[in-house]
Amino acid sequence: MPASVEGSDSVSARNGHGRCVLCGPLNPGSLQMSFQEDGEGAVGATFVARPEFQGYEGQLHGGVIASLMDSAMTHCLFHRGIQAVTGDLHVRFLHPIACRTTVELRAWLLFSCPPLYHLKAEITYEGEVMARAEAKFMRRE
């Protein structure tokens, strides 16, 4: 399992993500992702690329990679007290991510002009950037 499991009073639950497939503590099928602030305005988490998330043999599925970075950026906003939805997501796959490896996720805010937010995320393995994404989010009403 990735990272630590959050309780029902988690950042996810407080922000309407209680049943999210990636971070929802109220969803028994959730990956239970938990993002921590890093003291520099970013959030981070670890993720174990389990074989059941593969696309091509032995490689983490690209849709899972994109979802992980989208979730990290969403949590970066949650940690600022902002609920927002993804409006535009651009993913760049730099290297395949092998199953059975543990990767690091990190996301940070690039620019904000409420109700719009522009964020960036990266997935690294042993210090090498494996994938990166940029997204624009719109504050939820």
Protein backbone atom coordinates (compact mmCIF):
# COMPACT_ATOMS: atom_id res chain seq x y z
CA MET A 1 0.00 0.00 0.00
CA PRO A 2 1.18 3.55 -0.71
CA ALA A 3 1.91 6.13 1.96
CA SER A 4 -0.13 6.33 5.13
CA VAL A 5 -3.86 5.83 5.51
CA GLU A 6 -5.90 8.88 6.49
CA GLY A 7 -8.89 8.83 8.82
CA SER A 8 -12.38 10.11 8.03
CA ASP A 9 -11.33 13.61 9.20
CA SER A 10 -8.60 13.70 6.55
CA VAL A 11 -7.75 16.47 4.12
CA SER A 12 -9.50 14.37 1.45
CA ALA A 13 -12.71 13.89 3.40
CA ARG A 14 -12.89 17.55 4.44
CA ASN A 15 -12.60 18.58 0.80
CA GLY A 16 -15.27 16.35 -0.70
CA HIS A 17 -12.87 13.57 -1.74
CA GLY A 18 -13.93 11.06 0.90
CA ARG A 19 -14.81 8.47 -1.71
CA CYS A 20 -12.04 9.30 -4.22
CA VAL A 21 -10.45 6.27 -5.89
CA LEU A 22 -6.96 7.62 -5.13
CA CYS A 23 -7.21 9.31 -1.74
CA GLY A 24 -10.64 8.61 -0.28
CA PRO A 25 -10.58 7.25 3.26
CA LEU A 26 -14.28 6.32 2.96
CA ASN A 27 -13.76 4.23 -0.20
CA PRO A 28 -12.72 0.64 0.58
CA GLY A 29 -11.21 0.32 -2.93
CA SER A 30 -9.20 3.56 -2.66
CA LEU A 31 -5.42 3.62 -2.89
CA GLN A 32 -5.49 5.67 0.34
CA MET A 33 -2.95 8.21 -0.95
CA SER A 34 -1.83 10.73 1.64
CA PHE A 35 0.02 13.91 0.69
CA GLN A 36 2.21 15.84 3.10
CA GLU A 37 3.38 19.44 2.90
CA ASP A 38 7.13 19.78 2.43
CA GLY A 39 7.63 23.20 4.03
CA GLU A 40 8.38 24.83 0.67
CA GLY A 41 4.79 25.19 -0.52
CA ALA A 42 4.65 21.80 -2.25
CA VAL A 43 3.06 18.50 -1.29
CA GLY A 44 4.54 15.06 -1.71
CA ALA A 45 3.80 11.37 -1.34
CA THR A 46 5.27 7.99 -2.18
CA PHE A 47 3.62 5.38 -4.35
CA VAL A 48 4.42 1.72 -4.89
CA ALA A 49 3.88 0.80 -8.56
CA ARG A 50 2.19 -2.53 -8.01
CA PRO A 51 1.85 -5.01 -10.91
CA GLU A 52 -1.96 -4.74 -10.89
CA PHE A 53 -1.52 -1.15 -12.16
CA GLN A 54 0.50 -2.11 -15.23
CA GLY A 55 -0.23 -1.28 -18.84
CA TYR A 56 2.47 -2.91 -20.95
CA GLU A 57 4.18 -5.85 -19.30
CA GLY A 58 6.07 -4.71 -16.22
CA GLN A 59 5.31 -0.99 -16.72
CA LEU A 60 2.99 1.28 -14.76
CA HIS A 61 -0.03 2.30 -16.87
CA GLY A 62 0.11 5.84 -18.26
CA GLY A 63 -3.40 6.60 -17.04
CA VAL A 64 -2.35 5.74 -13.50
CA ILE A 65 0.69 8.01 -13.84
CA ALA A 66 -1.52 10.90 -15.03
CA SER A 67 -4.04 10.27 -12.23
CA LEU A 68 -1.32 10.28 -9.57
CA MET A 69 -0.02 13.67 -10.71
CA ASP A 70 -3.54 15.11 -10.99
CA SER A 71 -4.23 13.95 -7.44
CA ALA A 72 -0.99 15.48 -6.17
CA MET A 73 -1.88 18.84 -7.70
CA THR A 74 -5.40 18.65 -6.26
CA HIS A 75 -3.92 18.02 -2.81
CA CYS A 76 -1.52 20.92 -3.22
CA LEU A 77 -4.61 23.11 -3.49
CA PHE A 78 -6.38 21.31 -0.62
CA HIS A 79 -3.43 22.14 1.63
CA ARG A 80 -4.08 25.81 0.79
CA GLY A 81 -7.77 25.52 1.65
CA ILE A 82 -8.82 25.52 -2.03
CA GLN A 83 -11.22 23.08 -3.66
CA ALA A 84 -10.83 23.09 -7.44
CA VAL A 85 -11.39 20.85 -10.45
CA THR A 86 -8.98 20.07 -13.25
CA GLY A 87 -9.74 22.01 -16.42
CA ASP A 88 -6.65 21.29 -18.48
CA LEU A 89 -4.00 18.61 -17.90
CA HIS A 90 -0.81 18.11 -19.91
CA VAL A 91 1.34 15.07 -19.13
CA ARG A 92 4.82 14.34 -20.38
CA PHE A 93 6.01 10.74 -20.01
CA LEU A 94 9.81 10.83 -19.92
CA HIS A 95 10.73 7.27 -18.90
CA PRO A 96 8.75 4.09 -18.27
CA ILE A 97 8.05 3.39 -14.61
CA ALA A 98 8.69 -0.23 -13.74
CA CYS A 99 6.23 -2.11 -11.60
CA ARG A 100 7.41 -3.01 -8.11
CA THR A 101 9.28 0.29 -7.73
CA THR A 102 8.55 3.03 -5.24
CA VAL A 103 8.27 6.49 -6.75
CA GLU A 104 8.01 9.96 -5.24
CA LEU A 105 5.29 12.42 -6.22
CA ARG A 106 5.57 16.16 -5.74
CA ALA A 107 3.26 19.01 -6.76
CA TRP A 108 3.42 22.78 -6.36
CA LEU A 109 1.56 25.91 -7.35
CA LEU A 110 3.07 27.90 -10.23
CA PHE A 111 0.57 30.74 -10.48
CA SER A 112 -2.76 31.74 -9.01
CA CYS A 113 -5.33 34.24 -10.17
CA PRO A 114 -8.47 33.04 -8.38
CA PRO A 115 -10.60 31.33 -9.46
CA LEU A 116 -7.82 29.91 -11.72
CA TYR A 117 -4.73 28.02 -10.53
CA HIS A 118 -1.78 26.69 -12.52
CA LEU A 119 0.18 23.80 -10.98
CA LYS A 120 3.00 21.43 -11.80
CA ALA A 121 3.72 17.87 -10.65
CA GLU A 122 6.52 15.36 -11.07
CA ILE A 123 7.06 11.69 -10.42
CA THR A 124 10.65 10.74 -9.64
CA TYR A 125 12.46 7.47 -9.16
CA GLU A 126 15.85 7.54 -7.45
CA GLY A 127 16.10 11.28 -8.18
CA GLU A 128 15.28 11.03 -11.90
CA VAL A 129 12.12 12.68 -13.25
CA MET A 130 10.06 9.93 -14.86
CA ALA A 131 6.96 11.99 -15.71
CA ARG A 132 5.78 15.55 -15.26
CA ALA A 133 2.50 17.38 -15.66
CA GLU A 134 1.09 20.86 -15.69
CA ALA A 135 -2.55 21.62 -15.11
CA LYS A 136 -5.00 24.46 -14.78
CA PHE A 137 -7.63 24.18 -12.10
CA MET A 138 -10.85 26.13 -11.54
CA ARG A 139 -12.09 26.79 -8.01
CA ARG A 140 -15.22 24.81 -7.09
CA GLU A 141 -18.30 26.73 -6.04
